[in-house]
Amino acid sequence: MTRIDVIDNHGQFTHLEQRALRDMGVDVELVDNETPPAEIDADGLVLSGGPSIDRIGNCPDYLDLDIPVLGICLGHQVIARELGGEVGEGDYGGYADVTVDVLDDADPLIGSLAPSTRVWASHADEVVRVPEGFARTAESDVCGVEAMSDTDRDLYGVQWHPEVAHTERGEEVFENFLDICE
């Protein structure tokens, strides 16, 4: 059975990420972000959202584990920042319902959501430039990088929260990530 660890970055929805995966029948564990990388034994990781880029623990080191990673909100930003992209303040903070346009219908994480989907997202901070090797895979009228993918390294990020009920087709994002991990 495929095992996915959800790395806890102290976000308010982290437990919902774990629950969404568990409800899909995934062997899933919630893991503190201070856990040493050598103790991670999973087929994939979800870097959860959270309140502060200053409280990401060992998340940068988890990117070197050579397993698929899905970053959600803060996790998305961690991937970008640590790999040479840029994160900045968004013009539109707080949580809101946003229409996201999928730019690559062949993307293994979000391509199936094309041409667009409604999501629940915060844009207090956001990725403003993707790292080298990444493609911008979704945008909205409030954010130019709603999602990004590096399919060669199986690193993916979404600005929105697929785990909350306000996001349409959020479970599909987790199903697609599970397929990547298998």
Protein backbone atom coordinates (compact mmCIF):
# COMPACT_ATOMS: atom_id res chain seq x y z
CA MET A 1 0.00 0.00 0.00
CA THR A 2 1.20 3.47 -0.86
CA ARG A 3 2.17 5.57 2.13
CA ILE A 4 2.00 9.36 2.14
CA ASP A 5 3.19 11.50 5.03
CA VAL A 6 1.58 14.89 5.63
CA ILE A 7 4.20 17.25 7.02
CA ASP A 8 2.61 19.45 9.68
CA ASN A 9 3.52 23.09 9.20
CA HIS A 10 0.99 24.12 11.85
CA GLY A 11 -1.76 25.14 9.44
CA GLN A 12 -5.39 25.22 10.40
CA PHE A 13 -6.38 22.70 7.69
CA THR A 14 -3.52 20.20 8.04
CA HIS A 15 -5.70 17.58 9.73
CA LEU A 16 -8.09 17.80 6.77
CA GLU A 17 -5.26 16.88 4.38
CA GLN A 18 -4.58 13.77 6.43
CA ARG A 19 -8.27 12.94 6.61
CA ALA A 20 -8.82 13.38 2.86
CA LEU A 21 -6.04 10.91 2.13
CA ARG A 22 -7.16 8.47 4.83
CA ASP A 23 -10.72 8.57 3.46
CA MET A 24 -9.28 7.55 0.07
CA GLY A 25 -7.78 4.45 1.70
CA VAL A 26 -4.20 5.78 1.77
CA ASP A 27 -1.79 4.78 4.53
CA VAL A 28 -1.19 8.31 5.83
CA GLU A 29 0.66 9.71 8.82
CA LEU A 30 0.76 13.27 10.16
CA VAL A 31 4.44 14.07 10.79
CA ASP A 32 5.90 17.06 12.65
CA ASN A 33 8.06 19.26 10.42
CA GLU A 34 11.00 18.92 12.84
CA THR A 35 11.25 15.17 12.07
CA PRO A 36 14.72 14.35 10.70
CA PRO A 37 14.62 13.50 6.98
CA ALA A 38 16.27 10.12 7.69
CA GLU A 39 13.16 9.13 9.67
CA ILE A 40 10.78 9.76 6.76
CA ASP A 41 9.66 6.45 5.22
CA ALA A 42 6.98 7.32 2.70
CA ASP A 43 6.21 7.05 -1.00
CA GLY A 44 5.20 10.71 -1.12
CA LEU A 45 4.96 13.83 1.01
CA VAL A 46 2.41 16.59 1.38
CA LEU A 47 3.93 19.80 2.75
CA SER A 48 0.96 21.36 4.51
CA GLY A 49 -0.05 24.95 4.71
CA GLY A 50 0.86 26.98 7.73
CA PRO A 51 1.03 30.44 9.20
CA SER A 52 4.71 31.29 8.76
CA ILE A 53 7.64 30.60 6.45
CA ASP A 54 9.76 30.96 9.60
CA ARG A 55 8.24 27.78 11.10
CA ILE A 56 8.90 25.27 8.30
CA GLY A 57 11.29 23.04 10.24
CA ASN A 58 13.04 20.52 8.01
CA CYS A 59 10.81 21.05 4.97
CA PRO A 60 13.71 22.24 2.78
CA ASP A 61 15.58 19.00 3.49
CA TYR A 62 12.55 16.86 2.59
CA LEU A 63 12.83 18.14 -0.99
CA ASP A 64 16.04 16.08 -1.33
CA LEU A 65 14.42 12.74 -0.42
CA ASP A 66 13.78 11.76 -4.06
CA ILE A 67 10.08 11.07 -3.54
CA PRO A 68 7.08 12.99 -4.93
CA VAL A 69 6.15 16.12 -2.99
CA LEU A 70 2.94 18.14 -3.09
CA GLY A 71 3.16 21.56 -1.47
CA ILE A 72 -0.10 23.17 -0.41
CA CYS A 73 -0.20 26.95 0.16
CA LEU A 74 2.81 27.51 2.48
CA GLY A 75 4.22 24.16 1.26
CA HIS A 76 3.96 25.45 -2.32
CA GLN A 77 5.83 28.59 -1.29
CA VAL A 78 8.53 26.58 0.52
CA ILE A 79 9.23 24.57 -2.63
CA ALA A 80 9.50 27.73 -4.72
CA ARG A 81 11.69 29.65 -2.28
CA GLU A 82 14.04 26.78 -1.48
CA LEU A 83 14.63 25.86 -5.11
CA GLY A 84 15.36 29.36 -6.41
CA GLY A 85 11.92 30.81 -7.12
CA GLU A 86 10.48 33.87 -5.46
CA VAL A 87 7.70 34.37 -2.94
CA GLY A 88 6.14 37.75 -2.23
CA GLU A 89 3.12 39.38 -0.69
CA GLY A 90 -0.04 38.96 -2.68
CA ASP A 91 -2.23 41.88 -3.61
CA TYR A 92 -5.26 39.95 -2.38
CA GLY A 93 -4.89 38.52 1.13
CA GLY A 94 -7.25 36.39 3.17
CA TYR A 95 -9.23 33.35 2.16
CA ALA A 96 -11.57 33.58 -0.80
CA ASP A 97 -13.27 31.61 -3.54
CA VAL A 98 -11.12 31.90 -6.67
CA THR A 99 -11.50 30.64 -10.23
CA VAL A 100 -8.25 28.99 -11.31
CA ASP A 101 -7.41 28.53 -14.98
CA VAL A 102 -5.41 25.38 -15.70
CA LEU A 103 -2.64 26.13 -18.19
CA ASP A 104 -1.51 22.55 -18.93
CA ASP A 105 -4.18 19.90 -19.38
CA ALA A 106 -1.46 17.22 -19.52
CA ASP A 107 -0.06 18.08 -16.08
CA PRO A 108 -0.24 14.94 -13.93
CA LEU A 109 -1.36 16.81 -10.80
CA ILE A 110 -3.97 19.30 -12.01
CA GLY A 111 -4.37 18.74 -15.76
CA SER A 112 -7.58 16.79 -15.19
CA LEU A 113 -9.14 19.96 -13.71
CA ALA A 114 -8.85 21.83 -17.05
CA PRO A 115 -9.97 24.22 -18.26
CA SER A 116 -10.77 25.79 -14.87
CA THR A 117 -11.92 25.05 -11.36
CA ARG A 118 -13.13 26.90 -8.27
CA VAL A 119 -10.85 26.78 -5.24
CA TRP A 120 -10.50 28.13 -1.70
CA ALA A 121 -7.22 29.98 -1.37
CA SER A 122 -5.32 32.55 0.62
CA HIS A 123 -3.08 35.00 -1.22
CA ALA A 124 -1.45 36.85 1.68
CA ASP A 125 1.82 35.41 0.31
CA GLU A 126 2.24 33.71 -3.04
CA VAL A 127 4.79 32.41 -5.50
CA VAL A 128 5.69 35.21 -7.90
CA ARG A 129 8.43 33.38 -9.84
CA VAL A 130 8.75 29.61 -10.27
CA PRO A 131 12.14 27.94 -9.81
CA GLU A 132 14.17 26.70 -12.76
CA GLY A 133 12.79 23.41 -14.04
CA PHE A 134 9.22 24.21 -12.99
CA ALA A 135 6.29 25.04 -15.23
CA ARG A 136 3.51 27.37 -14.21
CA THR A 137 0.44 25.13 -14.51
CA ALA A 138 -2.39 27.36 -13.24
CA GLU A 139 -3.19 31.03 -12.77
CA SER A 140 -6.06 33.23 -11.66
CA ASP A 141 -6.98 36.86 -11.95
CA VAL A 142 -5.42 37.44 -8.50
CA CYS A 143 -2.30 35.25 -8.74
CA GLY A 144 0.00 34.38 -11.62
CA VAL A 145 1.26 31.13 -10.06
CA GLU A 146 -1.71 29.23 -8.63
CA ALA A 147 0.12 25.96 -9.33
CA MET A 148 3.49 24.74 -10.56
CA SER A 149 5.05 21.42 -11.48
CA ASP A 150 8.48 19.92 -12.02
CA THR A 151 7.53 16.55 -13.47
CA ASP A 152 11.16 15.44 -13.80
CA ARG A 153 11.58 15.60 -10.02
CA ASP A 154 7.91 14.98 -9.13
CA LEU A 155 7.64 18.25 -7.20
CA TYR A 156 4.28 20.00 -7.30
CA GLY A 157 2.69 22.98 -5.62
CA VAL A 158 -0.75 24.56 -5.40
CA GLN A 159 -1.60 27.88 -3.79
CA TRP A 160 -5.08 26.67 -2.89
CA HIS A 161 -6.41 24.18 -0.34
CA PRO A 162 -7.70 21.01 -2.05
CA GLU A 163 -8.59 19.53 1.35
CA VAL A 164 -11.44 21.93 2.18
CA ALA A 165 -15.07 21.53 1.14
CA HIS A 166 -15.08 24.95 -0.56
CA THR A 167 -12.67 23.66 -3.22
CA GLU A 168 -14.34 21.92 -6.12
CA ARG A 169 -12.67 18.67 -7.16
CA GLY A 170 -10.12 18.88 -4.35
CA GLU A 171 -10.19 15.12 -3.85
CA GLU A 172 -9.21 14.76 -7.50
CA VAL A 173 -5.97 16.62 -6.78
CA PHE A 174 -5.17 14.12 -4.01
CA GLU A 175 -6.13 11.19 -6.29
CA ASN A 176 -3.80 12.51 -8.97
CA PHE A 177 -1.00 12.90 -6.42
CA LEU A 178 -1.59 9.35 -5.22
CA ASP A 179 -1.24 8.16 -8.84
CA ILE A 180 2.08 10.02 -9.06
CA CYS A 181 3.29 8.36 -5.84
CA GLU A 182 2.33 4.87 -7.02
